[in-house]
């Protein structure tokens, strides 16, 4: 992203944090997890497929990252929030 913006990585990270209120990697992780959460709720896709779409090579690494982000496993999230509206994510 820094190269695309024509900035050094440190300058880009500083500017990004100022504008967005968080570091670039935190923002990207949050965005990926929100997309995965949405897929968990609105699709019947297998966890492996959702993990791959979110950019993870294994279900285990995705599940660990998702649990850190959401505070629960993907399966529990799907089970407990399955009737939630799309805007709540």
PDB file of N, CA and C in Angstrom:
ATOM      1  N   UNK A   1       0.821  -1.183   0.000  1.00  0.00           N
ATOM      2  CA  UNK A   1       0.000   0.000   0.000  1.00  0.00           C
ATOM      3  C   UNK A   1       0.872   1.256   0.000  1.00  0.00           C
ATOM      4  N   UNK A   2       1.983   1.197   0.737  1.00  0.00           N
ATOM      5  CA  UNK A   2       2.848   2.369   0.813  1.00  0.00           C
ATOM      6  C   UNK A   2       3.408   2.714  -0.563  1.00  0.00           C
ATOM      7  N   UNK A   3       3.839   1.706  -1.312  1.00  0.00           N
ATOM      8  CA  UNK A   3       4.385   1.953  -2.649  1.00  0.00           C
ATOM      9  C   UNK A   3       3.332   2.558  -3.568  1.00  0.00           C
ATOM     10  N   UNK A   4       2.117   2.057  -3.483  1.00  0.00           N
ATOM     11  CA  UNK A   4       1.017   2.586  -4.290  1.00  0.00           C
ATOM     12  C   UNK A   4       0.760   4.051  -3.937  1.00  0.00           C
ATOM     13  N   UNK A   5       0.896   4.380  -2.665  1.00  0.00           N
ATOM     14  CA  UNK A   5       0.686   5.758  -2.213  1.00  0.00           C
ATOM     15  C   UNK A   5       1.914   6.636  -2.463  1.00  0.00           C
ATOM     16  N   UNK A   6       3.013   6.023  -2.905  1.00  0.00           N
ATOM     17  CA  UNK A   6       4.231   6.785  -3.176  1.00  0.00           C
ATOM     18  C   UNK A   6       4.898   7.287  -1.911  1.00  0.00           C
ATOM     19  N   UNK A   7       4.806   6.511  -0.830  1.00  0.00           N
ATOM     20  CA  UNK A   7       5.383   6.908   0.446  1.00  0.00           C
ATOM     21  C   UNK A   7       6.245   5.785   0.996  1.00  0.00           C
ATOM     22  N   UNK A   8       7.098   6.130   1.952  1.00  0.00           N
ATOM     23  CA  UNK A   8       7.838   5.094   2.665  1.00  0.00           C
ATOM     24  C   UNK A   8       6.838   4.339   3.540  1.00  0.00           C
ATOM     25  N   UNK A   9       7.217   3.142   3.946  1.00  0.00           N
ATOM     26  CA  UNK A   9       6.314   2.355   4.787  1.00  0.00           C
ATOM     27  C   UNK A   9       6.024   3.061   6.104  1.00  0.00           C
ATOM     28  N   UNK A  10       7.045   3.649   6.696  1.00  0.00           N
ATOM     29  CA  UNK A  10       6.830   4.305   7.987  1.00  0.00           C
ATOM     30  C   UNK A  10       5.958   5.550   7.838  1.00  0.00           C
ATOM     31  N   UNK A  11       6.168   6.328   6.798  1.00  0.00           N
ATOM     32  CA  UNK A  11       5.342   7.521   6.566  1.00  0.00           C
ATOM     33  C   UNK A  11       3.894   7.115   6.274  1.00  0.00           C
ATOM     34  N   UNK A  12       3.737   6.088   5.455  1.00  0.00           N
ATOM     35  CA  UNK A  12       2.393   5.619   5.138  1.00  0.00           C
ATOM     36  C   UNK A  12       1.681   5.144   6.401  1.00  0.00           C
ATOM     37  N   UNK A  13       2.363   4.337   7.215  1.00  0.00           N
ATOM     38  CA  UNK A  13       1.761   3.821   8.446  1.00  0.00           C
ATOM     39  C   UNK A  13       1.362   4.959   9.378  1.00  0.00           C
ATOM     40  N   UNK A  14       2.225   5.969   9.483  1.00  0.00           N
ATOM     41  CA  UNK A  14       1.927   7.126  10.329  1.00  0.00           C
ATOM     42  C   UNK A  14       0.701   7.882   9.815  1.00  0.00           C
ATOM     43  N   UNK A  15       0.666   8.134   8.518  1.00  0.00           N
ATOM     44  CA  UNK A  15      -0.459   8.849   7.921  1.00  0.00           C
ATOM     45  C   UNK A  15      -1.747   8.021   8.046  1.00  0.00           C
ATOM     46  N   UNK A  16      -1.654   6.740   7.764  1.00  0.00           N
ATOM     47  CA  UNK A  16      -2.815   5.858   7.854  1.00  0.00           C
ATOM     48  C   UNK A  16      -3.385   5.878   9.265  1.00  0.00           C
ATOM     49  N   UNK A  17      -2.515   5.759  10.251  1.00  0.00           N
ATOM     50  CA  UNK A  17      -2.957   5.753  11.651  1.00  0.00           C
ATOM     51  C   UNK A  17      -3.643   7.075  12.010  1.00  0.00           C
ATOM     52  N   UNK A  18      -3.113   8.169  11.524  1.00  0.00           N
ATOM     53  CA  UNK A  18      -3.702   9.482  11.793  1.00  0.00           C
ATOM     54  C   UNK A  18      -5.103   9.585  11.194  1.00  0.00           C
ATOM     55  N   UNK A  19      -5.241   9.130   9.965  1.00  0.00           N
ATOM     56  CA  UNK A  19      -6.520   9.241   9.262  1.00  0.00           C
ATOM     57  C   UNK A  19      -7.529   8.203   9.747  1.00  0.00           C
ATOM     58  N   UNK A  20      -7.098   6.963   9.891  1.00  0.00           N
ATOM     59  CA  UNK A  20      -8.016   5.871  10.196  1.00  0.00           C
ATOM     60  C   UNK A  20      -8.114   5.528  11.690  1.00  0.00           C
ATOM     61  N   UNK A  21      -7.173   5.995  12.485  1.00  0.00           N
ATOM     62  CA  UNK A  21      -7.210   5.721  13.916  1.00  0.00           C
ATOM     63  C   UNK A  21      -6.664   4.364  14.310  1.00  0.00           C
ATOM     64  N   UNK A  22      -6.027   3.681  13.366  1.00  0.00           N
ATOM     65  CA  UNK A  22      -5.439   2.377  13.633  1.00  0.00           C
ATOM     66  C   UNK A  22      -4.365   2.089  12.596  1.00  0.00           C
ATOM     67  N   UNK A  23      -3.427   1.201  12.909  1.00  0.00           N
ATOM     68  CA  UNK A  23      -2.392   0.841  11.939  1.00  0.00           C
ATOM     69  C   UNK A  23      -2.986   0.098  10.735  1.00  0.00           C
ATOM     70  N   UNK A  24      -2.298   0.129   9.600  1.00  0.00           N
ATOM     71  CA  UNK A  24      -2.813  -0.527   8.395  1.00  0.00           C
ATOM     72  C   UNK A  24      -3.140  -2.013   8.583  1.00  0.00           C
ATOM     73  N   UNK A  25      -2.264  -2.763   9.241  1.00  0.00           N
ATOM     74  CA  UNK A  25      -2.528  -4.196   9.411  1.00  0.00           C
ATOM     75  C   UNK A  25      -3.740  -4.458  10.293  1.00  0.00           C
ATOM     76  N   UNK A  26      -3.944  -3.633  11.292  1.00  0.00           N
ATOM     77  CA  UNK A  26      -5.135  -3.774  12.128  1.00  0.00           C
ATOM     78  C   UNK A  26      -6.389  -3.537  11.299  1.00  0.00           C
ATOM     79  N   UNK A  27      -6.346  -2.510  10.463  1.00  0.00           N
ATOM     80  CA  UNK A  27      -7.486  -2.203   9.592  1.00  0.00           C
ATOM     81  C   UNK A  27      -7.758  -3.362   8.631  1.00  0.00           C
ATOM     82  N   UNK A  28      -6.722  -3.878   7.996  1.00  0.00           N
ATOM     83  CA  UNK A  28      -6.893  -4.962   7.027  1.00  0.00           C
ATOM     84  C   UNK A  28      -7.433  -6.214   7.711  1.00  0.00           C
ATOM     85  N   UNK A  29      -6.896  -6.537   8.879  1.00  0.00           N
ATOM     86  CA  UNK A  29      -7.388  -7.706   9.617  1.00  0.00           C
ATOM     87  C   UNK A  29      -8.850  -7.529   9.982  1.00  0.00           C
ATOM     88  N   UNK A  30      -9.213  -6.356  10.460  1.00  0.00           N
ATOM     89  CA  UNK A  30     -10.606  -6.093  10.823  1.00  0.00           C
ATOM     90  C   UNK A  30     -11.514  -6.224   9.601  1.00  0.00           C
ATOM     91  N   UNK A  31     -11.092  -5.681   8.486  1.00  0.00           N
ATOM     92  CA  UNK A  31     -11.887  -5.756   7.258  1.00  0.00           C
ATOM     93  C   UNK A  31     -12.079  -7.212   6.829  1.00  0.00           C
ATOM     94  N   UNK A  32     -10.982  -7.993   6.853  1.00  0.00           N
ATOM     95  CA  UNK A  32     -11.067  -9.402   6.473  1.00  0.00           C
ATOM     96  C   UNK A  32     -12.000 -10.175   7.396  1.00  0.00           C
ATOM     97  N   UNK A  33     -11.916  -9.920   8.700  1.00  0.00           N
ATOM     98  CA  UNK A  33     -12.762 -10.623   9.659  1.00  0.00           C
ATOM     99  C   UNK A  33     -14.229 -10.219   9.499  1.00  0.00           C
ATOM    100  N   UNK A  34     -14.494  -8.948   9.215  1.00  0.00           N
ATOM    101  CA  UNK A  34     -15.876  -8.525   8.975  1.00  0.00           C
ATOM    102  C   UNK A  34     -16.459  -9.219   7.744  1.00  0.00           C
ATOM    103  N   UNK A  35     -15.653  -9.343   6.704  1.00  0.00           N
ATOM    104  CA  UNK A  35     -16.112 -10.050   5.507  1.00  0.00           C
ATOM    105  C   UNK A  35     -16.384 -11.521   5.832  1.00  0.00           C
ATOM    106  N   UNK A  36     -15.482 -12.141   6.584  1.00  0.00           N
ATOM    107  CA  UNK A  36     -15.662 -13.542   6.970  1.00  0.00           C
ATOM    108  C   UNK A  36     -16.898 -13.703   7.852  1.00  0.00           C
ATOM    109  N   UNK A  37     -17.098 -12.793   8.797  1.00  0.00           N
ATOM    110  CA  UNK A  37     -18.268 -12.858   9.683  1.00  0.00           C
ATOM    111  C   UNK A  37     -19.546 -12.767   8.863  1.00  0.00           C
ATOM    112  N   UNK A  38     -19.556 -11.882   7.910  1.00  0.00           N
ATOM    113  CA  UNK A  38     -20.738 -11.738   7.042  1.00  0.00           C
ATOM    114  C   UNK A  38     -21.011 -13.042   6.289  1.00  0.00           C
ATOM    115  N   UNK A  39     -19.950 -13.646   5.775  1.00  0.00           N
ATOM    116  CA  UNK A  39     -20.120 -14.923   5.055  1.00  0.00           C
ATOM    117  C   UNK A  39     -20.611 -16.026   6.001  1.00  0.00           C
ATOM    118  N   UNK A  40     -20.115 -16.025   7.231  1.00  0.00           N
ATOM    119  CA  UNK A  40     -20.577 -17.023   8.192  1.00  0.00           C
ATOM    120  C   UNK A  40     -22.080 -16.912   8.426  1.00  0.00           C
ATOM    121  N   UNK A  41     -22.579 -15.690   8.433  1.00  0.00           N
ATOM    122  CA  UNK A  41     -23.987 -15.472   8.745  1.00  0.00           C
ATOM    123  C   UNK A  41     -24.919 -15.632   7.552  1.00  0.00           C
ATOM    124  N   UNK A  42     -24.458 -15.282   6.369  1.00  0.00           N
ATOM    125  CA  UNK A  42     -25.383 -15.270   5.231  1.00  0.00           C
ATOM    126  C   UNK A  42     -25.184 -16.416   4.248  1.00  0.00           C
ATOM    127  N   UNK A  43     -24.171 -17.237   4.475  1.00  0.00           N
ATOM    128  CA  UNK A  43     -23.961 -18.347   3.546  1.00  0.00           C
ATOM    129  C   UNK A  43     -23.848 -19.647   4.314  1.00  0.00           C
ATOM    130  N   UNK A  44     -24.038 -20.704   3.621  1.00  0.00           N
ATOM    131  CA  UNK A  44     -23.859 -22.022   4.206  1.00  0.00           C
ATOM    132  C   UNK A  44     -22.496 -22.588   3.868  1.00  0.00           C
ATOM    133  N   UNK A  45     -21.585 -21.719   3.435  1.00  0.00           N
ATOM    134  CA  UNK A  45     -20.249 -22.162   3.025  1.00  0.00           C
ATOM    135  C   UNK A  45     -19.510 -22.826   4.173  1.00  0.00           C
ATOM    136  N   UNK A  46     -18.700 -23.791   3.807  1.00  0.00           N
ATOM    137  CA  UNK A  46     -17.877 -24.479   4.795  1.00  0.00           C
ATOM    138  C   UNK A  46     -16.822 -23.523   5.333  1.00  0.00           C
ATOM    139  N   UNK A  47     -16.401 -23.768   6.551  1.00  0.00           N
ATOM    140  CA  UNK A  47     -15.412 -22.924   7.200  1.00  0.00           C
ATOM    141  C   UNK A  47     -14.117 -22.849   6.384  1.00  0.00           C
ATOM    142  N   UNK A  48     -13.713 -23.946   5.789  1.00  0.00           N
ATOM    143  CA  UNK A  48     -12.484 -23.953   4.985  1.00  0.00           C
ATOM    144  C   UNK A  48     -12.586 -22.969   3.823  1.00  0.00           C
ATOM    145  N   UNK A  49     -13.740 -22.902   3.196  1.00  0.00           N
ATOM    146  CA  UNK A  49     -13.942 -21.973   2.082  1.00  0.00           C
ATOM    147  C   UNK A  49     -13.904 -20.527   2.559  1.00  0.00           C
ATOM    148  N   UNK A  50     -14.535 -20.259   3.676  1.00  0.00           N
ATOM    149  CA  UNK A  50     -14.550 -18.904   4.233  1.00  0.00           C
ATOM    150  C   UNK A  50     -13.135 -18.498   4.645  1.00  0.00           C
ATOM    151  N   UNK A  51     -12.407 -19.424   5.254  1.00  0.00           N
ATOM    152  CA  UNK A  51     -11.024 -19.150   5.652  1.00  0.00           C
ATOM    153  C   UNK A  51     -10.177 -18.801   4.435  1.00  0.00           C
ATOM    154  N   UNK A  52     -10.326 -19.565   3.376  1.00  0.00           N
ATOM    155  CA  UNK A  52      -9.556 -19.314   2.151  1.00  0.00           C
ATOM    156  C   UNK A  52      -9.919 -17.958   1.543  1.00  0.00           C
ATOM    157  N   UNK A  53     -11.196 -17.641   1.486  1.00  0.00           N
ATOM    158  CA  UNK A  53     -11.626 -16.347   0.955  1.00  0.00           C
ATOM    159  C   UNK A  53     -11.101 -15.181   1.795  1.00  0.00           C
ATOM    160  N   UNK A  54     -10.910 -15.419   3.083  1.00  0.00           N
ATOM    161  CA  UNK A  54     -10.389 -14.384   3.971  1.00  0.00           C
ATOM    162  C   UNK A  54      -8.865 -14.295   3.913  1.00  0.00           C
ATOM    163  N   UNK A  55      -8.248 -15.194   3.136  1.00  0.00           N
ATOM    164  CA  UNK A  55      -6.800 -15.136   2.959  1.00  0.00           C
ATOM    165  C   UNK A  55      -5.997 -16.022   3.885  1.00  0.00           C
ATOM    166  N   UNK A  56      -6.641 -16.975   4.528  1.00  0.00           N
ATOM    167  CA  UNK A  56      -5.946 -17.884   5.441  1.00  0.00           C
ATOM    168  C   UNK A  56      -5.725 -19.221   4.756  1.00  0.00           C
ATOM    169  N   UNK A  57      -4.589 -19.833   5.026  1.00  0.00           N
ATOM    170  CA  UNK A  57      -4.242 -21.106   4.389  1.00  0.00           C
ATOM    171  C   UNK A  57      -4.824 -22.318   5.094  1.00  0.00           C
ATOM    172  N   UNK A  58      -5.241 -22.126   6.345  1.00  0.00           N
ATOM    173  CA  UNK A  58      -5.813 -23.253   7.077  1.00  0.00           C
ATOM    174  C   UNK A  58      -6.988 -22.797   7.924  1.00  0.00           C
ATOM    175  N   UNK A  59      -7.871 -23.739   8.183  1.00  0.00           N
ATOM    176  CA  UNK A  59      -9.001 -23.457   9.076  1.00  0.00           C
ATOM    177  C   UNK A  59      -8.505 -23.091  10.469  1.00  0.00           C
ATOM    178  N   UNK A  60      -7.458 -23.782  10.902  1.00  0.00           N
ATOM    179  CA  UNK A  60      -6.942 -23.553  12.254  1.00  0.00           C
ATOM    180  C   UNK A  60      -6.428 -22.125  12.429  1.00  0.00           C
ATOM    181  N   UNK A  61      -5.651 -21.638  11.470  1.00  0.00           N
ATOM    182  CA  UNK A  61      -5.129 -20.273  11.602  1.00  0.00           C
ATOM    183  C   UNK A  61      -6.256 -19.248  11.500  1.00  0.00           C
ATOM    184  N   UNK A  62      -7.220 -19.508  10.627  1.00  0.00           N
ATOM    185  CA  UNK A  62      -8.370 -18.611  10.522  1.00  0.00           C
ATOM    186  C   UNK A  62      -9.173 -18.621  11.822  1.00  0.00           C
ATOM    187  N   UNK A  63      -9.447 -19.805  12.350  1.00  0.00           N
ATOM    188  CA  UNK A  63     -10.236 -19.918  13.582  1.00  0.00           C
ATOM    189  C   UNK A  63      -9.571 -19.190  14.735  1.00  0.00           C
ATOM    190  N   UNK A  64      -8.254 -19.320  14.836  1.00  0.00           N
ATOM    191  CA  UNK A  64      -7.518 -18.643  15.904  1.00  0.00           C
ATOM    192  C   UNK A  64      -7.621 -17.130  15.746  1.00  0.00           C
ATOM    193  N   UNK A  65      -7.429 -16.628  14.532  1.00  0.00           N
ATOM    194  CA  UNK A  65      -7.530 -15.181  14.288  1.00  0.00           C
ATOM    195  C   UNK A  65      -8.952 -14.686  14.493  1.00  0.00           C
ATOM    196  N   UNK A  66      -9.921 -15.464  14.048  1.00  0.00           N
ATOM    197  CA  UNK A  66     -11.324 -15.063  14.201  1.00  0.00           C
ATOM    198  C   UNK A  66     -11.703 -15.008  15.673  1.00  0.00           C
ATOM    199  N   UNK A  67     -11.264 -16.007  16.434  1.00  0.00           N
ATOM    200  CA  UNK A  67     -11.589 -16.030  17.872  1.00  0.00           C
ATOM    201  C   UNK A  67     -10.968 -14.828  18.579  1.00  0.00           C
ATOM    202  N   UNK A  68      -9.764 -14.469  18.197  1.00  0.00           N
ATOM    203  CA  UNK A  68      -9.124 -13.289  18.788  1.00  0.00           C
ATOM    204  C   UNK A  68      -9.919 -12.028  18.436  1.00  0.00           C
ATOM    205  N   UNK A  69     -10.408 -11.945  17.211  1.00  0.00           N
ATOM    206  CA  UNK A  69     -11.158 -10.776  16.746  1.00  0.00           C
ATOM    207  C   UNK A  69     -12.569 -10.709  17.334  1.00  0.00           C
ATOM    208  N   UNK A  70     -13.292 -11.837  17.309  1.00  0.00           N
ATOM    209  CA  UNK A  70     -14.708 -11.850  17.695  1.00  0.00           C
ATOM    210  C   UNK A  70     -14.958 -12.270  19.140  1.00  0.00           C
ATOM    211  N   UNK A  71     -13.973 -12.892  19.759  1.00  0.00           N
ATOM    212  CA  UNK A  71     -14.170 -13.366  21.125  1.00  0.00           C
ATOM    213  C   UNK A  71     -14.845 -14.718  21.212  1.00  0.00           C
ATOM    214  N   UNK A  72     -15.063 -15.351  20.071  1.00  0.00           N
ATOM    215  CA  UNK A  72     -15.635 -16.700  20.040  1.00  0.00           C
ATOM    216  C   UNK A  72     -15.217 -17.384  18.744  1.00  0.00           C
ATOM    217  N   UNK A  73     -15.403 -18.681  18.696  1.00  0.00           N
ATOM    218  CA  UNK A  73     -15.045 -19.428  17.494  1.00  0.00           C
ATOM    219  C   UNK A  73     -15.995 -19.084  16.346  1.00  0.00           C
ATOM    220  N   UNK A  74     -15.562 -19.328  15.108  1.00  0.00           N
ATOM    221  CA  UNK A  74     -16.455 -19.097  13.977  1.00  0.00           C
ATOM    222  C   UNK A  74     -17.754 -19.902  14.077  1.00  0.00           C
ATOM    223  N   UNK A  75     -17.659 -21.149  14.532  1.00  0.00           N
ATOM    224  CA  UNK A  75     -18.861 -21.986  14.658  1.00  0.00           C
ATOM    225  C   UNK A  75     -19.833 -21.395  15.679  1.00  0.00           C
ATOM    226  N   UNK A  76     -19.320 -20.957  16.802  1.00  0.00           N
ATOM    227  CA  UNK A  76     -20.185 -20.354  17.823  1.00  0.00           C
ATOM    228  C   UNK A  76     -20.785 -19.036  17.309  1.00  0.00           C
ATOM    229  N   UNK A  77     -19.971 -18.246  16.629  1.00  0.00           N
ATOM    230  CA  UNK A  77     -20.451 -16.992  16.053  1.00  0.00           C
ATOM    231  C   UNK A  77     -21.611 -17.261  15.104  1.00  0.00           C
ATOM    232  N   UNK A  78     -21.438 -18.239  14.227  1.00  0.00           N
ATOM    233  CA  UNK A  78     -22.492 -18.584  13.263  1.00  0.00           C
ATOM    234  C   UNK A  78     -23.741 -19.070  13.982  1.00  0.00           C
ATOM    235  N   UNK A  79     -23.567 -19.925  14.959  1.00  0.00           N
ATOM    236  CA  UNK A  79     -24.689 -20.494  15.688  1.00  0.00           C
ATOM    237  C   UNK A  79     -25.456 -19.432  16.487  1.00  0.00           C
ATOM    238  N   UNK A  80     -24.726 -18.569  17.189  1.00  0.00           N
ATOM    239  CA  UNK A  80     -25.371 -17.597  18.072  1.00  0.00           C
ATOM    240  C   UNK A  80     -25.849 -16.336  17.367  1.00  0.00           C
ATOM    241  N   UNK A  81     -25.247 -15.992  16.244  1.00  0.00           N
ATOM    242  CA  UNK A  81     -25.604 -14.747  15.574  1.00  0.00           C
ATOM    243  C   UNK A  81     -26.234 -14.991  14.217  1.00  0.00           C
ATOM    244  N   UNK A  82     -26.556 -16.210  13.932  1.00  0.00           N
ATOM    245  CA  UNK A  82     -27.097 -16.573  12.620  1.00  0.00           C
ATOM    246  C   UNK A  82     -28.305 -15.785  12.182  1.00  0.00           C
ATOM    247  N   UNK A  83     -29.069 -15.252  13.107  1.00  0.00           N
ATOM    248  CA  UNK A  83     -30.263 -14.497  12.742  1.00  0.00           C
ATOM    249  C   UNK A  83     -30.008 -12.989  12.780  1.00  0.00           C
ATOM    250  N   UNK A  84     -28.747 -12.570  13.042  1.00  0.00           N
ATOM    251  CA  UNK A  84     -28.422 -11.150  13.134  1.00  0.00           C
ATOM    252  C   UNK A  84     -28.534 -10.489  11.751  1.00  0.00           C
ATOM    253  N   UNK A  85     -28.806  -9.208  11.765  1.00  0.00           N
ATOM    254  CA  UNK A  85     -28.888  -8.475  10.499  1.00  0.00           C
ATOM    255  C   UNK A  85     -27.491  -8.183   9.977  1.00  0.00           C
ATOM    256  N   UNK A  86     -27.386  -7.920   8.695  1.00  0.00           N
ATOM    257  CA  UNK A  86     -26.118  -7.635   8.045  1.00  0.00           C
ATOM    258  C   UNK A  86     -25.483  -6.371   8.600  1.00  0.00           C
ATOM    259  N   UNK A  87     -26.262  -5.406   9.063  1.00  0.00           N
ATOM    260  CA  UNK A  87     -25.718  -4.153   9.554  1.00  0.00           C
ATOM    261  C   UNK A  87     -25.022  -4.295  10.905  1.00  0.00           C
ATOM    262  N   UNK A  88     -25.252  -5.383  11.610  1.00  0.00           N
ATOM    263  CA  UNK A  88     -24.678  -5.521  12.946  1.00  0.00           C
ATOM    264  C   UNK A  88     -23.223  -5.954  12.919  1.00  0.00           C
ATOM    265  N   UNK A  89     -22.679  -6.215  11.768  1.00  0.00           N
ATOM    266  CA  UNK A  89     -21.287  -6.667  11.668  1.00  0.00           C
ATOM    267  C   UNK A  89     -20.401  -5.499  11.337  1.00  0.00           C
TER     268      UNK A  89
END
